[in-house]
Amino acid sequence: MMLTALDSHAERAALIEQGADDYLVKPFSTAELASRMRNLCRLPVTLAQAPRLCVGELEWCRSNDAFTRAGVPLSLTVMEAAVLRALILAGGALVTRDNLARACAAERDQPTSHAVDALIGTLRRRLGPPDLIQAVRRIGYRLVEPF
């Protein structure tokens, strides 16, 4: 839930694209906030709570932090795994290059967005075809189901 002073349609659409489930423009009533929060609590189990997450043949087992593609274990660097985790947890939503850099920050000094682009390139090679990572030019990346 995003509480925001942004009032243009484009700005609010950008919030949703960045992963917000809902937003509320200031000023707002506490009754409306409470109603929206109750609605969000009724949503089914989120991706962040699932023990295994899959996109096509790609699977992430959270209990042992292991990634596989078509049942074959993937050998990823710490940074590649951090990027892939962020993309999987986004559930197909766009993840900005800056957010991917922040996801890597816990593993090492925060890389630049150009370093994220390089990580995406090596990650694509490790994952193999068909490509699951879709670029949104100058903004970020998302995982997509293969056709």
Protein backbone atom coordinates (compact mmCIF):
# COMPACT_ATOMS: atom_id res chain seq x y z
CA MET A 1 0.00 0.00 0.00
CA MET A 2 1.48 3.32 -1.05
CA LEU A 3 0.43 6.56 0.60
CA THR A 4 1.32 9.35 -1.77
CA ALA A 5 0.88 12.98 -2.67
CA LEU A 6 1.33 12.13 -6.35
CA ASP A 7 -1.85 12.97 -8.17
CA SER A 8 -1.19 12.50 -11.88
CA HIS A 9 -2.39 9.32 -13.56
CA ALA A 10 1.11 8.64 -14.96
CA GLU A 11 2.73 8.91 -11.53
CA ARG A 12 0.16 6.61 -9.96
CA ALA A 13 0.52 4.10 -12.81
CA ALA A 14 4.29 4.12 -12.22
CA LEU A 15 3.70 3.18 -8.56
CA ILE A 16 1.67 0.16 -9.63
CA GLU A 17 4.33 -0.82 -12.20
CA GLN A 18 6.95 -0.65 -9.45
CA GLY A 19 5.05 -3.19 -7.38
CA ALA A 20 2.49 -1.36 -5.24
CA ASP A 21 -0.67 -3.40 -4.71
CA ASP A 22 -2.72 -0.28 -4.02
CA TYR A 23 -2.24 3.42 -3.43
CA LEU A 24 -4.03 6.17 -1.60
CA VAL A 25 -3.62 9.86 -2.47
CA LYS A 26 -3.19 12.35 0.40
CA PRO A 27 -5.24 13.68 2.05
CA PHE A 28 -7.26 10.56 2.83
CA SER A 29 -9.68 9.41 5.51
CA THR A 30 -8.65 6.81 8.04
CA ALA A 31 -11.85 4.89 7.22
CA GLU A 32 -10.78 4.56 3.58
CA LEU A 33 -7.25 3.53 4.61
CA ALA A 34 -8.66 0.88 6.97
CA SER A 35 -10.98 -0.47 4.24
CA ARG A 36 -8.15 -0.71 1.72
CA MET A 37 -5.88 -2.43 4.26
CA ARG A 38 -8.62 -4.98 5.06
CA ASN A 39 -8.98 -5.62 1.33
CA LEU A 40 -5.24 -6.23 0.95
CA CYS A 41 -5.32 -8.65 3.88
CA ARG A 42 -7.96 -10.72 2.06
CA LEU A 43 -5.63 -11.36 -0.87
CA PRO A 44 -4.32 -14.92 -1.25
CA VAL A 45 -0.86 -15.96 -0.05
CA THR A 46 1.72 -13.74 -1.69
CA LEU A 47 4.71 -14.85 -3.69
CA ALA A 48 6.95 -13.76 -0.83
CA GLN A 49 5.40 -16.46 1.40
CA ALA A 50 5.52 -19.40 -1.03
CA PRO A 51 8.20 -22.08 -0.35
CA ARG A 52 8.86 -22.61 -4.08
CA LEU A 53 8.47 -20.08 -6.86
CA CYS A 54 8.42 -20.97 -10.55
CA VAL A 55 8.53 -19.11 -13.85
CA GLY A 56 8.26 -21.56 -16.70
CA GLU A 57 10.90 -24.24 -16.04
CA LEU A 58 12.81 -21.96 -13.66
CA GLU A 59 12.30 -22.83 -10.00
CA TRP A 60 13.60 -21.26 -6.79
CA CYS A 61 13.43 -23.41 -3.67
CA ARG A 62 13.53 -20.95 -0.80
CA SER A 63 14.37 -23.47 1.94
CA ASN A 64 17.84 -24.15 0.51
CA ASP A 65 18.06 -21.06 -1.75
CA ALA A 66 18.60 -23.28 -4.80
CA PHE A 67 17.69 -22.44 -8.40
CA THR A 68 16.96 -25.01 -11.11
CA ARG A 69 15.94 -24.82 -14.75
CA ALA A 70 14.10 -27.86 -16.13
CA GLY A 71 15.29 -29.76 -13.05
CA VAL A 72 18.97 -28.94 -13.68
CA PRO A 73 20.66 -27.09 -10.80
CA LEU A 74 21.99 -23.64 -11.70
CA SER A 75 25.36 -22.50 -10.44
CA LEU A 76 24.98 -18.76 -9.84
CA THR A 77 27.21 -16.16 -8.28
CA VAL A 78 25.93 -14.43 -5.15
CA MET A 79 25.10 -11.31 -7.17
CA GLU A 80 23.32 -13.24 -9.95
CA ALA A 81 21.25 -15.07 -7.33
CA ALA A 82 20.31 -11.75 -5.67
CA VAL A 83 19.12 -10.35 -9.01
CA LEU A 84 17.19 -13.52 -9.86
CA ARG A 85 15.55 -13.56 -6.40
CA ALA A 86 14.37 -9.97 -6.85
CA LEU A 87 12.95 -10.74 -10.30
CA ILE A 88 11.15 -13.87 -9.10
CA LEU A 89 9.69 -12.13 -6.04
CA ALA A 90 8.33 -9.38 -8.29
CA GLY A 91 6.02 -11.98 -9.84
CA GLY A 92 6.36 -10.69 -13.38
CA ALA A 93 6.17 -7.01 -12.40
CA LEU A 94 8.82 -4.61 -13.61
CA VAL A 95 11.87 -4.27 -11.35
CA THR A 96 13.83 -1.09 -11.95
CA ARG A 97 17.58 -1.22 -12.50
CA ASP A 98 18.04 0.80 -9.29
CA ASN A 99 15.95 -1.70 -7.30
CA LEU A 100 18.00 -4.58 -8.71
CA ALA A 101 21.16 -2.73 -7.68
CA ARG A 102 19.71 -2.34 -4.17
CA ALA A 103 18.91 -6.07 -4.07
CA CYS A 104 22.61 -6.71 -4.68
CA ALA A 105 23.72 -4.15 -2.09
CA ALA A 106 23.34 -6.62 0.77
CA GLU A 107 25.80 -8.93 -0.96
CA ARG A 108 28.42 -6.30 -1.81
CA ASP A 109 28.83 -2.59 -2.34
CA GLN A 110 25.88 -1.39 -4.39
CA PRO A 111 26.67 -1.87 -8.08
CA THR A 112 25.84 0.73 -10.67
CA SER A 113 22.90 0.22 -13.00
CA HIS A 114 25.43 -0.62 -15.74
CA ALA A 115 26.79 -3.43 -13.55
CA VAL A 116 23.20 -4.68 -13.19
CA ASP A 117 22.93 -4.76 -17.00
CA ALA A 118 26.10 -6.87 -17.13
CA LEU A 119 24.72 -9.21 -14.43
CA ILE A 120 21.52 -9.62 -16.45
CA GLY A 121 23.60 -10.57 -19.49
CA THR A 122 25.51 -13.31 -17.65
CA LEU A 123 22.32 -14.46 -15.94
CA ARG A 124 20.62 -14.85 -19.34
CA ARG A 125 23.53 -16.99 -20.55
CA ARG A 126 23.41 -19.18 -17.42
CA LEU A 127 19.62 -19.63 -17.70
CA GLY A 128 19.79 -20.53 -21.38
CA PRO A 129 16.98 -20.38 -23.92
CA PRO A 130 14.19 -19.52 -24.05
CA ASP A 131 14.96 -16.13 -22.52
CA LEU A 132 12.87 -15.46 -19.40
CA ILE A 133 14.19 -11.94 -18.75
CA GLN A 134 12.47 -9.12 -20.59
CA ALA A 135 14.16 -5.72 -20.73
CA VAL A 136 12.12 -2.55 -20.46
CA ARG A 137 14.43 -0.07 -22.10
CA ARG A 138 16.10 2.43 -19.76
CA ILE A 139 13.88 1.32 -16.85
CA GLY A 140 14.48 -2.26 -15.75
CA TYR A 141 13.64 -5.91 -16.21
CA ARG A 142 10.90 -8.46 -15.55
CA LEU A 143 10.59 -12.23 -15.71
CA VAL A 144 8.18 -13.53 -18.33
CA GLU A 145 6.73 -16.94 -19.04
CA PRO A 146 8.15 -18.47 -22.23
CA PHE A 147 5.73 -19.01 -25.11
